[in-house]
Amino acid sequence: MSPEQLQKFKELLEKFRRDMVSAGDQKAEPIHQDAERPDEDGQPLTEMSQAISSSRNQNRSVILGQISAALSKIQLDPDDYGVCDQCDEDIPHKRLEIMPWSTSCVRCLSKKENPLRGATRRNLTDFVS
């Protein structure tokens, strides 16, 4: 990857980090106020909103960590940035433009997420002994 491309991805990573940090954590309303009884009809919706907010905040934290790791890789070992961790092939630039913190190509990522993919039954008699 050329120094110009590395600089482009470094700037993109820094922009993503700034945007995520400035957005802050997502907050959900409390289930009930201290002085009032909880609304039994609204409580499940409030709990679901809190769970979604918590999940988004955890995901945001993970992505911020991945962004920091990618920026460190660009600074410390620029030859390894944009190379798949599993197959050592270049990650396509289009993927890096969307997710510049990616460490895997789509093929390796799909194998890792779904190891049984491709091991589907082809004939009805495959499992007949």
C-alpha atoms as a PDB file:
ATOM      1  CA  MET A   1       0.000   0.000   0.000  1.00  0.00           C
ATOM      2  CA  SER A   2       1.372   3.392  -0.938  1.00  0.00           C
ATOM      3  CA  PRO A   3       2.135   6.069   1.681  1.00  0.00           C
ATOM      4  CA  GLU A   4      -0.666   8.215   0.224  1.00  0.00           C
ATOM      5  CA  GLN A   5      -3.180   5.400   0.661  1.00  0.00           C
ATOM      6  CA  LEU A   6      -1.983   4.764   4.215  1.00  0.00           C
ATOM      7  CA  GLN A   7      -2.408   8.455   4.996  1.00  0.00           C
ATOM      8  CA  LYS A   8      -5.919   8.385   3.508  1.00  0.00           C
ATOM      9  CA  PHE A   9      -6.905   5.416   5.704  1.00  0.00           C
ATOM     10  CA  LYS A  10      -5.259   6.982   8.759  1.00  0.00           C
ATOM     11  CA  GLU A  11      -7.325  10.138   8.263  1.00  0.00           C
ATOM     12  CA  LEU A  12     -10.456   8.050   7.724  1.00  0.00           C
ATOM     13  CA  LEU A  13      -9.815   6.103  10.945  1.00  0.00           C
ATOM     14  CA  GLU A  14      -9.243   9.321  12.876  1.00  0.00           C
ATOM     15  CA  LYS A  15     -12.493  10.750  11.503  1.00  0.00           C
ATOM     16  CA  PHE A  16     -14.435   7.637  12.545  1.00  0.00           C
ATOM     17  CA  ARG A  17     -12.892   7.842  16.023  1.00  0.00           C
ATOM     18  CA  ARG A  18     -13.698  11.555  16.400  1.00  0.00           C
ATOM     19  CA  ASP A  19     -17.298  10.992  15.273  1.00  0.00           C
ATOM     20  CA  MET A  20     -17.820   8.057  17.639  1.00  0.00           C
ATOM     21  CA  VAL A  21     -16.268   9.814  20.615  1.00  0.00           C
ATOM     22  CA  SER A  22     -18.184  13.034  20.023  1.00  0.00           C
ATOM     23  CA  ALA A  23     -21.480  11.123  19.734  1.00  0.00           C
ATOM     24  CA  GLY A  24     -20.938   9.734  23.231  1.00  0.00           C
ATOM     25  CA  ASP A  25     -22.746   6.873  24.881  1.00  0.00           C
ATOM     26  CA  GLN A  26     -26.362   6.243  24.028  1.00  0.00           C
ATOM     27  CA  LYS A  27     -28.564   6.740  27.047  1.00  0.00           C
ATOM     28  CA  ALA A  28     -31.892   5.107  27.819  1.00  0.00           C
ATOM     29  CA  GLU A  29     -34.505   6.408  30.200  1.00  0.00           C
ATOM     30  CA  PRO A  30     -34.635   4.776  33.621  1.00  0.00           C
ATOM     31  CA  ILE A  31     -37.286   2.145  34.221  1.00  0.00           C
ATOM     32  CA  HIS A  32     -38.975   4.396  36.774  1.00  0.00           C
ATOM     33  CA  GLN A  33     -38.319   7.568  38.655  1.00  0.00           C
ATOM     34  CA  ASP A  34     -37.400   7.264  42.328  1.00  0.00           C
ATOM     35  CA  ALA A  35     -40.634   8.805  43.625  1.00  0.00           C
ATOM     36  CA  GLU A  36     -43.136   7.031  41.378  1.00  0.00           C
ATOM     37  CA  ARG A  37     -44.395   3.532  40.865  1.00  0.00           C
ATOM     38  CA  PRO A  38     -43.180   1.805  37.696  1.00  0.00           C
ATOM     39  CA  ASP A  39     -45.598   1.768  34.776  1.00  0.00           C
ATOM     40  CA  GLU A  40     -46.252  -1.913  34.186  1.00  0.00           C
ATOM     41  CA  ASP A  41     -47.304  -1.324  30.568  1.00  0.00           C
ATOM     42  CA  GLY A  42     -44.265   0.739  29.641  1.00  0.00           C
ATOM     43  CA  GLN A  43     -41.691  -1.185  31.639  1.00  0.00           C
ATOM     44  CA  PRO A  44     -40.957  -3.907  29.015  1.00  0.00           C
ATOM     45  CA  LEU A  45     -40.378  -1.279  26.336  1.00  0.00           C
ATOM     46  CA  THR A  46     -38.094   0.691  28.633  1.00  0.00           C
ATOM     47  CA  GLU A  47     -36.120  -2.433  29.535  1.00  0.00           C
ATOM     48  CA  MET A  48     -35.741  -3.313  25.860  1.00  0.00           C
ATOM     49  CA  SER A  49     -34.538   0.225  25.104  1.00  0.00           C
ATOM     50  CA  GLN A  50     -31.971  -0.057  27.881  1.00  0.00           C
ATOM     51  CA  ALA A  51     -30.747  -3.402  26.547  1.00  0.00           C
ATOM     52  CA  ILE A  52     -30.418  -1.991  23.026  1.00  0.00           C
ATOM     53  CA  SER A  53     -28.551   1.075  24.311  1.00  0.00           C
ATOM     54  CA  SER A  54     -26.199  -1.105  26.320  1.00  0.00           C
ATOM     55  CA  SER A  55     -25.512  -3.335  23.324  1.00  0.00           C
ATOM     56  CA  ARG A  56     -24.817  -0.345  21.089  1.00  0.00           C
ATOM     57  CA  ASN A  57     -22.473   1.164  23.667  1.00  0.00           C
ATOM     58  CA  GLN A  58     -20.567  -2.128  23.977  1.00  0.00           C
ATOM     59  CA  ASN A  59     -20.317  -2.395  20.187  1.00  0.00           C
ATOM     60  CA  ARG A  60     -19.095   1.205  20.008  1.00  0.00           C
ATOM     61  CA  SER A  61     -16.423   0.429  22.595  1.00  0.00           C
ATOM     62  CA  VAL A  62     -15.248  -2.614  20.610  1.00  0.00           C
ATOM     63  CA  ILE A  63     -15.052  -0.607  17.381  1.00  0.00           C
ATOM     64  CA  LEU A  64     -13.111   2.182  19.107  1.00  0.00           C
ATOM     65  CA  GLY A  65     -10.610  -0.452  20.272  1.00  0.00           C
ATOM     66  CA  GLN A  66     -10.326  -1.821  16.737  1.00  0.00           C
ATOM     67  CA  ILE A  67      -9.794   1.688  15.384  1.00  0.00           C
ATOM     68  CA  SER A  68      -6.996   2.284  17.895  1.00  0.00           C
ATOM     69  CA  ALA A  69      -5.393  -1.034  16.934  1.00  0.00           C
ATOM     70  CA  ALA A  70      -5.580  -0.139  13.225  1.00  0.00           C
ATOM     71  CA  LEU A  71      -4.020   3.285  13.850  1.00  0.00           C
ATOM     72  CA  SER A  72      -1.233   1.633  15.850  1.00  0.00           C
ATOM     73  CA  LYS A  73      -0.652  -0.844  13.029  1.00  0.00           C
ATOM     74  CA  ILE A  74      -0.383   1.998  10.498  1.00  0.00           C
ATOM     75  CA  GLN A  75       2.158   3.755  12.700  1.00  0.00           C
ATOM     76  CA  LEU A  76       4.205   0.775  13.900  1.00  0.00           C
ATOM     77  CA  ASP A  77       3.972  -1.702  11.026  1.00  0.00           C
ATOM     78  CA  PRO A  78       2.455  -0.033   7.945  1.00  0.00           C
ATOM     79  CA  ASP A  79       3.241  -2.998   5.673  1.00  0.00           C
ATOM     80  CA  ASP A  80       0.776  -5.161   7.622  1.00  0.00           C
ATOM     81  CA  TYR A  81      -2.127  -2.715   7.462  1.00  0.00           C
ATOM     82  CA  GLY A  82      -4.770  -3.810   4.955  1.00  0.00           C
ATOM     83  CA  VAL A  83      -3.589  -7.428   4.933  1.00  0.00           C
ATOM     84  CA  CYS A  84      -5.932 -10.200   6.073  1.00  0.00           C
ATOM     85  CA  ASP A  85      -4.819 -11.794   9.353  1.00  0.00           C
ATOM     86  CA  GLN A  86      -5.885 -15.278   8.231  1.00  0.00           C
ATOM     87  CA  CYS A  87      -4.899 -15.639   4.553  1.00  0.00           C
ATOM     88  CA  ASP A  88      -2.310 -12.820   4.194  1.00  0.00           C
ATOM     89  CA  GLU A  89      -4.088 -11.482   1.099  1.00  0.00           C
ATOM     90  CA  ASP A  90      -4.774  -7.780   0.639  1.00  0.00           C
ATOM     91  CA  ILE A  91      -8.129  -6.638   1.976  1.00  0.00           C
ATOM     92  CA  PRO A  92      -9.972  -4.885  -0.875  1.00  0.00           C
ATOM     93  CA  HIS A  93      -9.797  -1.094  -0.663  1.00  0.00           C
ATOM     94  CA  LYS A  94     -13.584  -0.800  -0.954  1.00  0.00           C
ATOM     95  CA  ARG A  95     -13.928  -2.819   2.258  1.00  0.00           C
ATOM     96  CA  LEU A  96     -11.299  -0.674   3.978  1.00  0.00           C
ATOM     97  CA  GLU A  97     -13.110   2.487   2.876  1.00  0.00           C
ATOM     98  CA  ILE A  98     -16.258   1.264   4.622  1.00  0.00           C
ATOM     99  CA  MET A  99     -14.569  -0.357   7.629  1.00  0.00           C
ATOM    100  CA  PRO A 100     -10.946   0.848   7.785  1.00  0.00           C
ATOM    101  CA  TRP A 101     -10.427  -1.110  11.024  1.00  0.00           C
ATOM    102  CA  SER A 102     -11.024  -4.457   9.256  1.00  0.00           C
ATOM    103  CA  THR A 103      -8.424  -7.135   9.869  1.00  0.00           C
ATOM    104  CA  SER A 104      -9.979  -9.875   7.726  1.00  0.00           C
ATOM    105  CA  CYS A 105     -11.152 -10.190   4.165  1.00  0.00           C
ATOM    106  CA  VAL A 106     -14.804 -11.075   3.643  1.00  0.00           C
ATOM    107  CA  ARG A 107     -14.039 -14.687   2.728  1.00  0.00           C
ATOM    108  CA  CYS A 108     -12.028 -15.387   5.883  1.00  0.00           C
ATOM    109  CA  LEU A 109     -14.489 -13.502   8.061  1.00  0.00           C
ATOM    110  CA  SER A 110     -17.419 -15.532   6.758  1.00  0.00           C
ATOM    111  CA  LYS A 111     -15.477 -18.768   7.366  1.00  0.00           C
ATOM    112  CA  LYS A 112     -14.733 -17.666  10.913  1.00  0.00           C
ATOM    113  CA  GLU A 113     -18.318 -16.594  11.651  1.00  0.00           C
ATOM    114  CA  ASN A 114     -19.960 -19.629  10.056  1.00  0.00           C
ATOM    115  CA  PRO A 115     -17.548 -22.577   9.949  1.00  0.00           C
ATOM    116  CA  LEU A 116     -20.258 -24.935   8.640  1.00  0.00           C
ATOM    117  CA  ARG A 117     -20.899 -22.839   5.534  1.00  0.00           C
ATOM    118  CA  GLY A 118     -20.251 -24.940   2.477  1.00  0.00           C
ATOM    119  CA  ALA A 119     -20.825 -28.146   4.422  1.00  0.00           C
ATOM    120  CA  THR A 120     -24.463 -28.366   3.495  1.00  0.00           C
ATOM    121  CA  ARG A 121     -26.272 -31.501   2.454  1.00  0.00           C
ATOM    122  CA  ARG A 122     -26.414 -31.885  -1.328  1.00  0.00           C
ATOM    123  CA  ASN A 123     -28.501 -35.034  -1.676  1.00  0.00           C
ATOM    124  CA  LEU A 124     -31.246 -36.521   0.362  1.00  0.00           C
ATOM    125  CA  THR A 125     -29.251 -39.723   0.697  1.00  0.00           C
ATOM    126  CA  ASP A 126     -26.141 -38.058   2.188  1.00  0.00           C
ATOM    127  CA  PHE A 127     -27.166 -39.066   5.709  1.00  0.00           C
ATOM    128  CA  VAL A 128     -28.609 -42.487   4.901  1.00  0.00           C
ATOM    129  CA  SER A 129     -26.404 -45.375   5.878  1.00  0.00           C
END
